[in-house]
PDB file of N, CA and C in Angstrom:
ATOM      1  N   MET A   1      59.926 198.211-208.809  1.00  0.00           N
ATOM      2  CA  MET A   1      61.186 197.525-208.548  1.00  0.00           C
ATOM      3  C   MET A   1      61.885 198.143-207.343  1.00  0.00           C
ATOM      4  N   TYR A   2      61.972 199.465-207.370  1.00  0.00           N
ATOM      5  CA  TYR A   2      62.649 200.158-206.268  1.00  0.00           C
ATOM      6  C   TYR A   2      61.965 199.861-204.935  1.00  0.00           C
ATOM      7  N   SER A   3      60.650 199.876-204.946  1.00  0.00           N
ATOM      8  CA  SER A   3      59.915 199.648-203.699  1.00  0.00           C
ATOM      9  C   SER A   3      60.171 198.236-203.152  1.00  0.00           C
ATOM     10  N   LEU A   4      60.310 197.280-204.059  1.00  0.00           N
ATOM     11  CA  LEU A   4      60.611 195.911-203.617  1.00  0.00           C
ATOM     12  C   LEU A   4      61.955 195.850-202.890  1.00  0.00           C
ATOM     13  N   ILE A   5      62.946 196.481-203.475  1.00  0.00           N
ATOM     14  CA  ILE A   5      64.278 196.501-202.858  1.00  0.00           C
ATOM     15  C   ILE A   5      64.186 197.176-201.494  1.00  0.00           C
ATOM     16  N   PHE A   6      63.483 198.278-201.464  1.00  0.00           N
ATOM     17  CA  PHE A   6      63.331 199.020-200.214  1.00  0.00           C
ATOM     18  C   PHE A   6      62.654 198.152-199.149  1.00  0.00           C
ATOM     19  N   LEU A   7      61.592 197.470-199.540  1.00  0.00           N
ATOM     20  CA  LEU A   7      60.867 196.607-198.595  1.00  0.00           C
ATOM     21  C   LEU A   7      61.747 195.488-198.059  1.00  0.00           C
ATOM     22  N   SER A   8      62.493 194.851-198.940  1.00  0.00           N
ATOM     23  CA  SER A   8      63.347 193.744-198.485  1.00  0.00           C
ATOM     24  C   SER A   8      64.425 194.262-197.541  1.00  0.00           C
ATOM     25  N   ARG A   9      64.933 195.458-197.821  1.00  0.00           N
ATOM     26  CA  ARG A   9      65.940 196.048-196.943  1.00  0.00           C
ATOM     27  C   ARG A   9      65.336 196.342-195.572  1.00  0.00           C
ATOM     28  N   LEU A  10      64.135 196.881-195.584  1.00  0.00           N
ATOM     29  CA  LEU A  10      63.434 197.154-194.317  1.00  0.00           C
ATOM     30  C   LEU A  10      63.245 195.866-193.526  1.00  0.00           C
ATOM     31  N   ARG A  11      62.821 194.822-194.216  1.00  0.00           N
ATOM     32  CA  ARG A  11      62.610 193.538-193.555  1.00  0.00           C
ATOM     33  C   ARG A  11      63.886 193.038-192.900  1.00  0.00           C
ATOM     34  N   LEU A  12      64.985 193.150-193.615  1.00  0.00           N
ATOM     35  CA  LEU A  12      66.277 192.723-193.067  1.00  0.00           C
ATOM     36  C   LEU A  12      66.611 193.513-191.811  1.00  0.00           C
ATOM     37  N   GLU A  13      66.399 194.820-191.861  1.00  0.00           N
ATOM     38  CA  GLU A  13      66.698 195.650-190.696  1.00  0.00           C
ATOM     39  C   GLU A  13      65.842 195.235-189.506  1.00  0.00           C
ATOM     40  N   VAL A  14      64.587 194.972-189.772  1.00  0.00           N
ATOM     41  CA  VAL A  14      63.690 194.540-188.697  1.00  0.00           C
ATOM     42  C   VAL A  14      64.170 193.215-188.112  1.00  0.00           C
ATOM     43  N   LYS A  15      64.581 192.296-188.971  1.00  0.00           N
ATOM     44  CA  LYS A  15      65.093 191.007-188.498  1.00  0.00           C
ATOM     45  C   LYS A  15      66.304 191.206-187.596  1.00  0.00           C
ATOM     46  N   PHE A  16      67.205 192.097-188.011  1.00  0.00           N
ATOM     47  CA  PHE A  16      68.397 192.358-187.203  1.00  0.00           C
ATOM     48  C   PHE A  16      67.996 192.911-185.838  1.00  0.00           C
ATOM     49  N   GLU A  17      67.038 193.829-185.833  1.00  0.00           N
ATOM     50  CA  GLU A  17      66.583 194.405-184.559  1.00  0.00           C
ATOM     51  C   GLU A  17      66.019 193.311-183.664  1.00  0.00           C
ATOM     52  N   VAL A  18      65.210 192.438-184.236  1.00  0.00           N
ATOM     53  CA  VAL A  18      64.596 191.354-183.459  1.00  0.00           C
ATOM     54  C   VAL A  18      65.681 190.441-182.884  1.00  0.00           C
ATOM     55  N   VAL A  19      66.675 190.126-183.706  1.00  0.00           N
ATOM     56  CA  VAL A  19      67.767 189.263-183.252  1.00  0.00           C
ATOM     57  C   VAL A  19      68.515 189.936-182.103  1.00  0.00           C
ATOM     58  N   LYS A  20      68.780 191.233-182.240  1.00  0.00           N
ATOM     59  CA  LYS A  20      69.454 191.976-181.167  1.00  0.00           C
ATOM     60  C   LYS A  20      68.655 191.884-179.877  1.00  0.00           C
ATOM     61  N   ILE A  21      67.351 192.147-179.974  1.00  0.00           N
ATOM     62  CA  ILE A  21      66.487 192.130-178.793  1.00  0.00           C
ATOM     63  C   ILE A  21      66.496 190.738-178.167  1.00  0.00           C
ATOM     64  N   ASN A  22      66.403 189.703-178.990  1.00  0.00           N
ATOM     65  CA  ASN A  22      66.427 188.331-178.474  1.00  0.00           C
ATOM     66  C   ASN A  22      67.731 188.036-177.757  1.00  0.00           C
ATOM     67  N   ARG A  23      68.843 188.482-178.329  1.00  0.00           N
ATOM     68  CA  ARG A  23      70.152 188.254-177.695  1.00  0.00           C
ATOM     69  C   ARG A  23      70.209 188.939-176.340  1.00  0.00           C
ATOM     70  N   ILE A  24      69.718 190.168-176.301  1.00  0.00           N
ATOM     71  CA  ILE A  24      69.720 190.917-175.041  1.00  0.00           C
ATOM     72  C   ILE A  24      68.900 190.157-174.000  1.00  0.00           C
ATOM     73  N   GLU A  25      67.745 189.661-174.396  1.00  0.00           N
ATOM     74  CA  GLU A  25      66.894 188.907-173.475  1.00  0.00           C
ATOM     75  C   GLU A  25      67.610 187.653-172.976  1.00  0.00           C
ATOM     76  N   ILE A  26      68.246 186.930-173.871  1.00  0.00           N
ATOM     77  CA  ILE A  26      68.959 185.702-173.499  1.00  0.00           C
ATOM     78  C   ILE A  26      70.063 186.034-172.502  1.00  0.00           C
ATOM     79  N   VAL A  27      70.823 187.078-172.783  1.00  0.00           N
ATOM     80  CA  VAL A  27      71.903 187.474-171.884  1.00  0.00           C
ATOM     81  C   VAL A  27      71.331 187.847-170.521  1.00  0.00           C
ATOM     82  N   ARG A  28      70.226 188.582-170.507  1.00  0.00           N
ATOM     83  CA  ARG A  28      69.588 188.960-169.249  1.00  0.00           C
ATOM     84  C   ARG A  28      69.206 187.742-168.437  1.00  0.00           C
ATOM     85  N   GLN A  29      68.614 186.771-169.101  1.00  0.00           N
ATOM     86  CA  GLN A  29      68.200 185.549-168.397  1.00  0.00           C
ATOM     87  C   GLN A  29      69.405 184.827-167.818  1.00  0.00           C
ATOM     88  N   GLU A  30      70.472 184.730-168.610  1.00  0.00           N
ATOM     89  CA  GLU A  30      71.681 184.057-168.122  1.00  0.00           C
ATOM     90  C   GLU A  30      72.240 184.798-166.915  1.00  0.00           C
ATOM     91  N   VAL A  31      72.292 186.107-167.000  1.00  0.00           N
ATOM     92  CA  VAL A  31      72.829 186.909-165.894  1.00  0.00           C
ATOM     93  C   VAL A  31      71.967 186.716-164.649  1.00  0.00           C
ATOM     94  N   SER A  32      70.666 186.743-164.801  1.00  0.00           N
ATOM     95  CA  SER A  32      69.801 186.579-163.631  1.00  0.00           C
ATOM     96  C   SER A  32      69.953 185.182-163.027  1.00  0.00           C
ATOM     97  N   GLN A  33      70.158 184.177-163.863  1.00  0.00           N
ATOM     98  CA  GLN A  33      70.385 182.822-163.349  1.00  0.00           C
ATOM     99  C   GLN A  33      71.696 182.771-162.565  1.00  0.00           C
ATOM    100  N   GLU A  34      72.730 183.405-163.099  1.00  0.00           N
ATOM    101  CA  GLU A  34      74.020 183.442-162.402  1.00  0.00           C
ATOM    102  C   GLU A  34      73.861 184.105-161.041  1.00  0.00           C
ATOM    103  N   ILE A  35      73.149 185.226-161.024  1.00  0.00           N
ATOM    104  CA  ILE A  35      72.943 185.959-159.769  1.00  0.00           C
ATOM    105  C   ILE A  35      72.206 185.065-158.772  1.00  0.00           C
ATOM    106  N   GLU A  36      71.194 184.369-159.227  1.00  0.00           N
ATOM    107  CA  GLU A  36      70.437 183.485-158.337  1.00  0.00           C
ATOM    108  C   GLU A  36      71.343 182.395-157.766  1.00  0.00           C
ATOM    109  N   LYS A  37      72.191 181.816-158.593  1.00  0.00           N
ATOM    110  CA  LYS A  37      73.111 180.768-158.112  1.00  0.00           C
ATOM    111  C   LYS A  37      74.019 181.328-157.020  1.00  0.00           C
ATOM    112  N   ARG A  38      74.591 182.507-157.273  1.00  0.00           N
ATOM    113  CA  ARG A  38      75.507 183.097-156.300  1.00  0.00           C
ATOM    114  C   ARG A  38      74.788 183.441-155.013  1.00  0.00           C
ATOM    115  N   VAL A  39      73.571 183.915-155.138  1.00  0.00           N
ATOM    116  CA  VAL A  39      72.782 184.253-153.947  1.00  0.00           C
ATOM    117  C   VAL A  39      72.526 182.985-153.136  1.00  0.00           C
ATOM    118  N   GLU A  40      72.199 181.894-153.815  1.00  0.00           N
ATOM    119  CA  GLU A  40      71.971 180.627-153.111  1.00  0.00           C
ATOM    120  C   GLU A  40      73.241 180.191-152.382  1.00  0.00           C
ATOM    121  N   ILE A  41      74.378 180.344-153.028  1.00  0.00           N
ATOM    122  CA  ILE A  41      75.656 179.973-152.411  1.00  0.00           C
ATOM    123  C   ILE A  41      75.888 180.832-151.165  1.00  0.00           C
ATOM    124  N   LEU A  42      75.605 182.117-151.275  1.00  0.00           N
ATOM    125  CA  LEU A  42      75.801 183.039-150.148  1.00  0.00           C
ATOM    126  C   LEU A  42      74.894 182.671-148.976  1.00  0.00           C
ATOM    127  N   ILE A  43      73.662 182.309-149.293  1.00  0.00           N
ATOM    128  CA  ILE A  43      72.701 181.955-148.236  1.00  0.00           C
ATOM    129  C   ILE A  43      73.009 180.534-147.783  1.00  0.00           C
TER     130      ILE A  43
END
């Protein structure tokens, strides 16, 4: 029983980490797109 609870908790933590990483990636992509737009405007 204890191991099941532990496993589910671990899974949740892993999911949170994955979500964090995905958010960071999305933000990075948005930032790079913004930079590209501004660079195009400058050129």
